[in-house]
């Protein structure tokens, strides 16, 4: 009997070790904000308490992330899970290394997500990424520069309760502000919109947001090449106008993912298009405080509405021997309580909620005016900028810097808007027919 008891006890202990001694490797970008790091670490610690599975975060610099991921997949030594906002699941699903997460999302509740966001993570009817959080984007402007240029730095609400700033509701208004804030003699420029393929999302975000607000699109409603339109030419004509205005430094054609942040925080440019990571990087050492800055609600183009292209932060699960553990961790991270707790720790701004059930938490009732504008603009995100792309090819093309290169053609190579649109149409056609 004692021997039987010993065998049973040994079996139980071995089972506990197998369940409570494992780990998974999760890659995400390096973040300089202690509260955000703490929020992710706390979420991982809670998961370990519940399951016994330890989460090992590998934090990779933004500019190195894509290269590191490509190398790992080529070597078949990829992580268990990736949290990133550049659609790795869509880009790498053709390798066979990415897991289909459709069943996981369905069991959690597909209706909790918007179909537009789910659509951009879907290839051939299969879902390869789980929408996690949003990276709100906006136009950050220095208040003192605005005041000097003669603009009011208070928000106004229209009849629908929408925030706006007087005299700054269209792209032409934004250009006028940028020109007025420019002081070349002292090395100060009004705008810092990246026009470099090293921008890692910021260039594409700016270019696509502008394109869509002018009524342009990469694809038409039937999933065919849709860029050959007067609206697209008009959008890139405005890009050329921005560049030739002299309100941007020549350096925008070389900036990496942190370029406009650094120039803006340092005080060399008065306006930057970026996710709200700018606010997160302000420290006592920078001399710039959050209250010194204003988030201008995103401008409208001829289409009559403002539109923002911004990838959500998503969770991509790879087919490793720890696939089931990775799925459990993904379920934990998209759980409403987990996300609410994370925001209590890290605050609102660098990330914002992506789902209505998280946004409904009372903690979001007391946001600052700048944060309310960011939340307002989050409702305008058009991540589904190629809704008729069932094979994910255009998403991969955007990830391969096709928009960034279009901006560079204008700023560096001196191309006409017609030449840019023609090349874009050719690249989109090649991608669709590859």
Protein backbone atom coordinates (compact mmCIF):
# COMPACT_ATOMS: atom_id res chain seq x y z
CA UNK A 1 0.00 0.00 0.00
CA UNK A 2 2.83 2.36 0.89
CA UNK A 3 4.51 1.50 -2.40
CA UNK A 4 1.29 2.24 -4.31
CA UNK A 5 0.94 5.54 -2.46
CA UNK A 6 4.53 6.43 -3.33
CA UNK A 7 3.92 5.66 -7.02
CA UNK A 8 0.73 7.73 -7.07
CA UNK A 9 2.47 10.60 -5.30
CA UNK A 10 5.36 10.46 -7.76
CA UNK A 11 2.94 10.49 -10.71
CA UNK A 12 1.10 13.49 -9.22
CA UNK A 13 4.33 15.37 -8.67
CA UNK A 14 5.53 14.64 -12.21
CA UNK A 15 2.21 15.89 -13.57
CA UNK A 16 2.52 19.09 -11.56
CA UNK A 17 6.06 19.62 -12.82
CA UNK A 18 4.95 19.18 -16.43
CA UNK A 19 2.10 21.64 -15.93
CA UNK A 20 3.88 24.13 -13.69
CA UNK A 21 7.46 24.15 -14.98
CA UNK A 22 7.13 25.26 -18.58
CA UNK A 23 7.77 28.56 -20.27
CA UNK A 24 7.04 30.41 -23.51
CA UNK A 25 9.07 33.02 -25.37
CA UNK A 26 7.24 36.21 -26.36
CA UNK A 27 8.75 38.92 -28.55
CA UNK A 28 7.59 42.54 -28.37
CA UNK A 29 9.17 45.91 -29.06
CA UNK A 30 11.44 47.61 -26.55
CA UNK A 31 9.51 50.23 -24.61
CA UNK A 32 11.18 53.01 -22.61
CA UNK A 33 8.24 53.59 -20.26
CA UNK A 34 8.56 51.75 -16.92
CA UNK A 35 4.79 51.69 -16.33
CA UNK A 36 4.18 49.92 -19.64
CA UNK A 37 6.89 47.36 -18.99
CA UNK A 38 5.39 46.82 -15.55
CA UNK A 39 1.89 46.33 -16.99
CA UNK A 40 3.08 43.55 -19.31
CA UNK A 41 5.24 41.97 -16.60
CA UNK A 42 2.30 41.97 -14.17
CA UNK A 43 0.01 40.38 -16.76
CA UNK A 44 2.62 37.69 -17.37
CA UNK A 45 3.09 37.11 -13.63
CA UNK A 46 -0.68 36.68 -13.18
CA UNK A 47 -0.67 34.15 -16.02
CA UNK A 48 2.15 32.22 -14.35
CA UNK A 49 0.25 32.21 -11.04
CA UNK A 50 -2.80 30.74 -12.76
CA UNK A 51 -1.07 28.22 -15.01
CA UNK A 52 2.47 27.73 -13.78
CA UNK A 53 3.73 28.74 -17.21
CA UNK A 54 6.47 31.39 -17.16
CA UNK A 55 6.49 34.07 -19.87
CA UNK A 56 9.93 35.15 -21.05
CA UNK A 57 9.64 38.51 -22.81
CA UNK A 58 12.28 39.30 -25.41
CA UNK A 59 12.11 43.06 -25.99
CA UNK A 60 13.53 44.03 -29.38
CA UNK A 61 14.29 47.59 -30.63
CA UNK A 62 11.68 48.72 -33.15
CA UNK A 63 14.18 49.22 -35.97
CA UNK A 64 15.59 45.69 -35.54
CA UNK A 65 12.34 43.79 -35.07
CA UNK A 66 11.48 42.94 -38.66
CA UNK A 67 15.02 41.81 -39.56
CA UNK A 68 15.24 39.67 -36.43
CA UNK A 69 11.88 38.04 -37.17
CA UNK A 70 12.76 37.33 -40.83
CA UNK A 71 16.05 35.77 -39.75
CA UNK A 72 14.39 33.61 -37.10
CA UNK A 73 11.74 32.32 -39.49
CA UNK A 74 14.35 31.54 -42.15
CA UNK A 75 16.26 29.54 -39.55
CA UNK A 76 13.03 27.95 -38.24
CA UNK A 77 13.93 29.18 -34.76
CA UNK A 78 11.04 31.56 -34.24
CA UNK A 79 9.44 32.61 -30.92
CA UNK A 80 6.28 31.07 -29.52
CA UNK A 81 4.35 34.31 -29.79
CA UNK A 82 4.82 37.88 -31.07
CA UNK A 83 3.06 41.08 -29.95
CA UNK A 84 3.57 43.72 -32.66
CA UNK A 85 1.71 46.17 -34.88
CA UNK A 86 3.17 45.44 -38.33
CA UNK A 87 1.00 42.41 -39.19
CA UNK A 88 3.61 39.61 -38.86
CA UNK A 89 0.90 36.94 -39.05
CA UNK A 90 -0.30 38.15 -42.43
CA UNK A 91 3.21 38.63 -43.76
CA UNK A 92 4.55 35.23 -42.70
CA UNK A 93 1.47 32.97 -42.92
CA UNK A 94 2.65 31.65 -46.30
CA UNK A 95 5.69 30.09 -44.60
CA UNK A 96 3.43 27.71 -42.69
CA UNK A 97 4.92 28.88 -39.40
CA UNK A 98 1.91 30.91 -38.21
CA UNK A 99 -1.04 29.35 -36.38
CA UNK A 100 -4.67 29.92 -37.40
CA UNK A 101 -6.33 31.60 -34.39
CA UNK A 102 -9.89 31.72 -35.73
CA UNK A 103 -11.24 29.14 -33.30
CA UNK A 104 -9.63 30.91 -30.35
CA UNK A 105 -11.22 34.25 -31.29
CA UNK A 106 -14.59 32.60 -31.95
CA UNK A 107 -14.54 30.96 -28.52
CA UNK A 108 -13.64 34.29 -26.89
CA UNK A 109 -16.38 36.11 -28.81
CA UNK A 110 -15.78 37.32 -32.35
CA UNK A 111 -18.41 40.05 -31.96
CA UNK A 112 -16.21 41.77 -29.37
CA UNK A 113 -13.95 42.83 -32.25
CA UNK A 114 -14.77 44.92 -35.31
CA UNK A 115 -14.86 42.93 -38.53
CA UNK A 116 -12.72 45.57 -40.26
CA UNK A 117 -9.83 44.91 -37.89
CA UNK A 118 -10.29 41.14 -38.07
CA UNK A 119 -10.42 41.40 -41.86
CA UNK A 120 -6.90 42.79 -42.15
CA UNK A 121 -5.56 39.82 -40.17
CA UNK A 122 -7.39 37.30 -42.36
CA UNK A 123 -5.88 35.49 -45.34
CA UNK A 124 -7.81 32.96 -47.38
CA UNK A 125 -10.58 32.90 -44.80
CA UNK A 126 -8.19 32.08 -41.94
CA UNK A 127 -7.39 34.45 -39.08
CA UNK A 128 -3.67 34.72 -38.34
CA UNK A 129 -3.56 37.50 -35.72
CA UNK A 130 -5.59 38.44 -32.65
CA UNK A 131 -6.35 42.17 -32.24
CA UNK A 132 -4.89 43.17 -28.88
CA UNK A 133 -4.58 46.92 -28.24
CA UNK A 134 -4.57 50.05 -30.37
CA UNK A 135 -1.65 52.41 -30.96
CA UNK A 136 -3.48 55.77 -31.20
CA UNK A 137 -1.98 58.22 -33.67
CA UNK A 138 -2.30 61.96 -33.85
CA UNK A 139 -0.83 65.30 -34.83
CA UNK A 140 1.29 66.52 -31.92
CA UNK A 141 1.93 70.28 -31.89
CA UNK A 142 3.89 72.59 -29.60
CA UNK A 143 1.49 75.06 -27.99
CA UNK A 144 4.00 77.91 -27.75
CA UNK A 145 4.76 77.62 -31.46
CA UNK A 146 1.02 77.63 -32.23
CA UNK A 147 0.41 80.74 -30.12
CA UNK A 148 3.31 82.57 -31.75
CA UNK A 149 1.78 81.71 -35.16
CA UNK A 150 -1.51 83.27 -34.02
CA UNK A 151 -3.59 80.17 -33.29
CA UNK A 152 -5.86 79.41 -30.35
CA UNK A 153 -4.70 76.45 -28.27
CA UNK A 154 -8.04 75.50 -26.79
CA UNK A 155 -10.44 72.83 -28.00
CA UNK A 156 -13.94 73.52 -29.28
CA UNK A 157 -16.80 71.03 -29.65
CA UNK A 158 -19.17 71.01 -32.59
CA UNK A 159 -22.91 70.21 -32.44
CA UNK A 160 -22.11 66.50 -32.42
CA UNK A 161 -19.72 66.75 -29.50
CA UNK A 162 -16.65 66.34 -31.72
CA UNK A 163 -13.49 68.13 -30.64
CA UNK A 164 -11.73 70.47 -33.06
CA UNK A 165 -9.34 73.41 -33.08
CA UNK A 166 -10.45 76.60 -34.81
CA UNK A 167 -8.75 77.09 -38.15
CA UNK A 168 -7.25 73.58 -38.18
CA UNK A 169 -9.80 71.20 -39.69
CA UNK A 170 -8.36 70.40 -43.13
CA UNK A 171 -4.99 69.39 -44.56
CA UNK A 172 -4.63 72.83 -46.15
CA UNK A 173 -5.13 74.34 -42.68
CA UNK A 174 -2.38 72.09 -41.30
CA UNK A 175 -0.01 73.16 -44.07
CA UNK A 176 -0.74 76.83 -43.36
CA UNK A 177 0.09 76.28 -39.69
CA UNK A 178 3.32 74.47 -40.57
CA UNK A 179 4.45 77.30 -42.85
CA UNK A 180 3.67 79.94 -40.21
CA UNK A 181 5.62 78.03 -37.54
CA UNK A 182 8.70 77.65 -39.76
CA UNK A 183 11.78 79.76 -38.98
CA UNK A 184 14.54 78.46 -41.26
CA UNK A 185 17.00 81.13 -40.17
CA UNK A 186 17.03 79.56 -36.71
CA UNK A 187 16.75 75.95 -37.88
CA UNK A 188 13.12 75.58 -36.80
CA UNK A 189 10.59 73.83 -39.02
CA UNK A 190 6.83 73.68 -38.65
CA UNK A 191 6.34 70.02 -39.65
CA UNK A 192 8.15 66.71 -39.43
CA UNK A 193 6.26 64.12 -41.47
CA UNK A 194 8.58 61.22 -42.22
CA UNK A 195 9.31 60.41 -45.86
CA UNK A 196 11.66 57.48 -45.37
CA UNK A 197 11.33 53.72 -45.60
CA UNK A 198 13.16 53.58 -42.26
CA UNK A 199 10.13 55.18 -40.59
CA UNK A 200 8.68 51.76 -39.66
CA UNK A 201 5.00 52.60 -39.78
CA UNK A 202 5.00 56.36 -39.30
CA UNK A 203 5.70 57.08 -42.98
CA UNK A 204 3.08 54.59 -44.14
CA UNK A 205 0.61 55.81 -41.53
CA UNK A 206 0.97 59.41 -42.66
CA UNK A 207 0.85 58.53 -46.37
CA UNK A 208 -2.15 56.20 -46.18
CA UNK A 209 -4.12 58.48 -43.86
CA UNK A 210 -3.64 61.33 -46.30
CA UNK A 211 -4.52 59.12 -49.28
CA UNK A 212 -7.79 57.90 -47.78
CA UNK A 213 -8.87 61.32 -46.55
CA UNK A 214 -8.59 62.43 -50.19
CA UNK A 215 -10.81 59.54 -51.28
CA UNK A 216 -8.02 57.35 -52.63
CA UNK A 217 -7.57 53.63 -52.07
CA UNK A 218 -5.09 50.90 -52.92
CA UNK A 219 -7.81 48.53 -54.12
CA UNK A 220 -11.27 49.01 -55.54
CA UNK A 221 -14.41 47.32 -54.20
CA UNK A 222 -13.73 44.24 -56.35
CA UNK A 223 -10.22 43.73 -55.03
CA UNK A 224 -8.54 45.05 -58.18
CA UNK A 225 -5.96 47.83 -58.48
CA UNK A 226 -7.72 50.96 -57.21
CA UNK A 227 -4.94 53.53 -57.00
CA UNK A 228 -5.29 54.87 -60.56
CA UNK A 229 -7.75 57.63 -59.69
CA UNK A 230 -7.85 61.45 -59.71
CA UNK A 231 -8.28 61.33 -55.92
CA UNK A 232 -4.98 59.46 -55.46
CA UNK A 233 -3.17 61.88 -57.76
CA UNK A 234 -4.65 64.80 -55.80
CA UNK A 235 -3.43 63.26 -52.53
CA UNK A 236 0.13 62.86 -53.78
CA UNK A 237 -0.06 66.35 -55.29
CA UNK A 238 -0.63 67.59 -51.75
CA UNK A 239 2.38 65.57 -50.55
CA UNK A 240 4.45 67.38 -53.17
CA UNK A 241 2.98 70.69 -52.03
CA UNK A 242 3.91 69.86 -48.41
CA UNK A 243 7.46 69.04 -49.43
CA UNK A 244 7.93 72.12 -51.63
CA UNK A 245 6.52 74.42 -48.93
CA UNK A 246 9.86 74.31 -47.10
CA UNK A 247 8.08 73.68 -43.80
CA UNK A 248 9.89 70.35 -43.32
CA UNK A 249 13.64 69.78 -42.83
CA UNK A 250 15.47 67.75 -45.47
CA UNK A 251 16.24 65.22 -42.74
CA UNK A 252 12.69 63.77 -42.93
CA UNK A 253 13.89 61.70 -45.90
CA UNK A 254 16.37 59.87 -43.66
CA UNK A 255 14.61 59.59 -40.30
CA UNK A 256 14.14 56.20 -38.72
CA UNK A 257 11.22 55.22 -36.47
CA UNK A 258 12.35 57.65 -33.75
CA UNK A 259 13.45 60.53 -35.97
CA UNK A 260 10.42 62.77 -35.73
CA UNK A 261 10.11 62.01 -32.00
CA UNK A 262 13.66 63.11 -31.36
CA UNK A 263 13.50 66.30 -33.46
CA UNK A 264 10.11 67.20 -32.00
CA UNK A 265 11.07 66.65 -28.37
CA UNK A 266 14.36 68.49 -28.92
CA UNK A 267 12.43 71.51 -30.21
CA UNK A 268 13.55 71.56 -33.85
CA UNK A 269 10.11 70.90 -35.35
CA UNK A 270 6.73 72.17 -34.21
CA UNK A 271 4.48 69.36 -35.38
CA UNK A 272 4.83 65.58 -35.75
CA UNK A 273 2.54 62.81 -36.94
CA UNK A 274 3.09 59.85 -34.68
CA UNK A 275 1.52 57.39 -32.36
CA UNK A 276 1.34 58.77 -28.85
CA UNK A 277 4.75 57.33 -28.05
CA UNK A 278 5.95 60.95 -28.09
CA UNK A 279 4.16 61.68 -24.81
CA UNK A 280 5.59 58.54 -23.28
CA UNK A 281 9.13 59.70 -24.02
CA UNK A 282 8.88 63.04 -22.26
CA UNK A 283 11.01 63.15 -19.13
CA UNK A 284 12.26 65.93 -16.81
CA UNK A 285 15.52 65.80 -18.79
CA UNK A 286 13.80 66.65 -22.11
CA UNK A 287 12.47 69.94 -20.75
CA UNK A 288 9.16 69.38 -22.56
CA UNK A 289 6.08 68.43 -20.54
CA UNK A 290 2.86 66.79 -21.81
CA UNK A 291 0.92 69.97 -21.02
CA UNK A 292 3.21 71.87 -23.43
CA UNK A 293 1.80 69.88 -26.33
CA UNK A 294 -1.57 69.73 -28.07
CA UNK A 295 -3.07 66.85 -30.02
CA UNK A 296 -4.85 68.33 -33.03
CA UNK A 297 -7.83 66.23 -34.15
CA UNK A 298 -6.92 64.54 -37.39
CA UNK A 299 -7.67 66.78 -40.43
CA UNK A 300 -10.21 66.12 -43.17
CA UNK A 301 -9.41 65.94 -46.85
CA UNK A 302 -11.69 66.53 -49.85
CA UNK A 303 -13.47 63.32 -48.92
CA UNK A 304 -15.03 65.36 -46.11
CA UNK A 305 -13.84 63.21 -43.23
CA UNK A 306 -10.58 62.50 -41.49
CA UNK A 307 -9.22 59.00 -41.67
CA UNK A 308 -6.33 57.40 -39.81
CA UNK A 309 -4.37 54.38 -40.95
CA UNK A 310 -2.95 52.72 -37.87
CA UNK A 311 -2.23 49.07 -37.35
CA UNK A 312 -3.55 47.67 -34.08
CA UNK A 313 -1.15 45.85 -31.81
CA UNK A 314 -1.84 42.17 -32.50
CA UNK A 315 -0.87 38.80 -31.12
CA UNK A 316 0.65 36.33 -33.59
CA UNK A 317 1.10 32.74 -32.50
CA UNK A 318 3.71 30.53 -34.13
CA UNK A 319 3.53 26.77 -34.57
CA UNK A 320 6.05 25.68 -31.98
CA UNK A 321 5.85 22.66 -29.65
CA UNK A 322 4.31 25.08 -27.12
CA UNK A 323 1.38 26.05 -29.33
CA UNK A 324 -1.33 25.24 -26.78
CA UNK A 325 0.46 27.17 -24.02
CA UNK A 326 0.77 30.14 -26.37
CA UNK A 327 -2.96 30.03 -27.07
CA UNK A 328 -3.69 30.06 -23.35
CA UNK A 329 -1.45 33.09 -22.90
CA UNK A 330 -3.18 34.86 -25.80
CA UNK A 331 -6.56 34.18 -24.19
CA UNK A 332 -5.24 35.65 -20.95
CA UNK A 333 -3.97 38.82 -22.67
CA UNK A 334 -7.24 39.56 -24.49
CA UNK A 335 -9.31 38.93 -21.37
CA UNK A 336 -11.21 42.09 -20.44
CA UNK A 337 -10.01 42.11 -16.81
CA UNK A 338 -6.39 41.64 -17.89
CA UNK A 339 -6.60 44.61 -20.22
CA UNK A 340 -8.41 46.83 -17.71
CA UNK A 341 -5.75 46.03 -15.11
CA UNK A 342 -2.98 46.79 -17.61
CA UNK A 343 -4.42 50.24 -18.32
CA UNK A 344 -4.65 50.95 -14.59
CA UNK A 345 -0.90 50.41 -14.43
CA UNK A 346 0.33 51.93 -17.69
CA UNK A 347 -2.29 54.65 -18.21
CA UNK A 348 -3.89 55.75 -21.47
CA UNK A 349 -1.95 57.19 -24.36
CA UNK A 350 0.81 55.00 -25.69
CA UNK A 351 -1.82 52.27 -25.99
CA UNK A 352 -5.58 52.65 -26.10
CA UNK A 353 -8.34 50.04 -25.88
CA UNK A 354 -9.40 48.34 -29.09
CA UNK A 355 -12.72 46.94 -27.88
CA UNK A 356 -15.87 48.59 -26.56
CA UNK A 357 -16.04 46.29 -23.52
CA UNK A 358 -12.64 47.60 -22.36
CA UNK A 359 -13.39 51.23 -23.26
CA UNK A 360 -16.51 51.05 -21.08
CA UNK A 361 -14.43 50.80 -17.92
CA UNK A 362 -14.91 53.86 -15.62
CA UNK A 363 -11.18 54.63 -15.63
CA UNK A 364 -11.57 56.10 -19.13
CA UNK A 365 -14.15 58.66 -17.97
CA UNK A 366 -11.54 61.11 -16.67
CA UNK A 367 -9.20 61.56 -19.62
CA UNK A 368 -7.45 64.84 -20.41
CA UNK A 369 -8.59 66.83 -23.46
CA UNK A 370 -5.60 65.56 -25.45
CA UNK A 371 -6.46 61.99 -24.51
CA UNK A 372 -10.12 62.52 -25.44
CA UNK A 373 -8.99 63.64 -28.90
CA UNK A 374 -6.84 60.52 -29.21
CA UNK A 375 -9.81 58.37 -28.24
CA UNK A 376 -11.98 60.32 -30.68
CA UNK A 377 -9.49 59.75 -33.48
CA UNK A 378 -9.26 56.06 -32.58
CA UNK A 379 -12.82 55.71 -33.90
CA UNK A 380 -11.59 56.91 -37.30
CA UNK A 381 -8.92 54.25 -37.70
CA UNK A 382 -9.21 52.58 -41.10
CA UNK A 383 -6.89 49.70 -40.59
CA UNK A 384 -8.98 47.87 -43.19
CA UNK A 385 -7.51 50.01 -45.95
CA UNK A 386 -7.60 47.14 -48.41
CA UNK A 387 -10.90 45.42 -47.48
CA UNK A 388 -11.16 43.36 -50.65
CA UNK A 389 -7.77 41.69 -50.27
CA UNK A 390 -8.54 38.06 -49.34
CA UNK A 391 -4.96 36.84 -49.62
CA UNK A 392 -3.14 39.41 -47.52
CA UNK A 393 -0.87 40.38 -50.42
CA UNK A 394 -1.46 44.11 -50.18
CA UNK A 395 -0.90 44.08 -46.44
CA UNK A 396 2.46 42.44 -47.06
CA UNK A 397 3.19 45.02 -49.77
CA UNK A 398 2.54 47.89 -47.34
CA UNK A 399 4.83 46.16 -44.83
CA UNK A 400 7.46 46.12 -47.58
CA UNK A 401 7.50 49.96 -47.58
CA UNK A 402 5.56 50.60 -50.79
CA UNK A 403 3.98 53.77 -49.33
CA UNK A 404 7.21 54.93 -47.74
CA UNK A 405 8.93 54.60 -51.10
CA UNK A 406 6.15 56.59 -52.79
CA UNK A 407 6.80 59.50 -50.42
CA UNK A 408 10.53 59.25 -51.06
CA UNK A 409 9.93 59.34 -54.82
CA UNK A 410 8.42 62.80 -54.40
CA UNK A 411 10.83 64.20 -51.81
CA UNK A 412 14.10 62.62 -52.97
CA UNK A 413 13.66 61.73 -56.64
CA UNK A 414 11.45 64.65 -57.64
CA UNK A 415 8.77 62.50 -59.25
CA UNK A 416 5.39 63.85 -60.26
CA UNK A 417 2.24 62.56 -58.50
CA UNK A 418 1.29 60.84 -61.77
CA UNK A 419 4.58 58.93 -61.84
CA UNK A 420 4.12 57.87 -58.21
CA UNK A 421 0.59 56.61 -58.80
CA UNK A 422 1.67 54.73 -61.92
CA UNK A 423 4.44 52.92 -60.03
CA UNK A 424 2.10 52.11 -57.13
CA UNK A 425 -0.44 50.65 -59.55
CA UNK A 426 2.25 48.48 -61.10
CA UNK A 427 3.49 47.19 -57.71
CA UNK A 428 -0.07 46.46 -56.52
CA UNK A 429 -0.84 44.62 -59.74
CA UNK A 430 2.32 42.54 -59.43
CA UNK A 431 1.49 41.70 -55.82
CA UNK A 432 -2.06 40.64 -56.67
CA UNK A 433 -0.91 38.42 -59.51
CA UNK A 434 2.15 36.94 -57.83
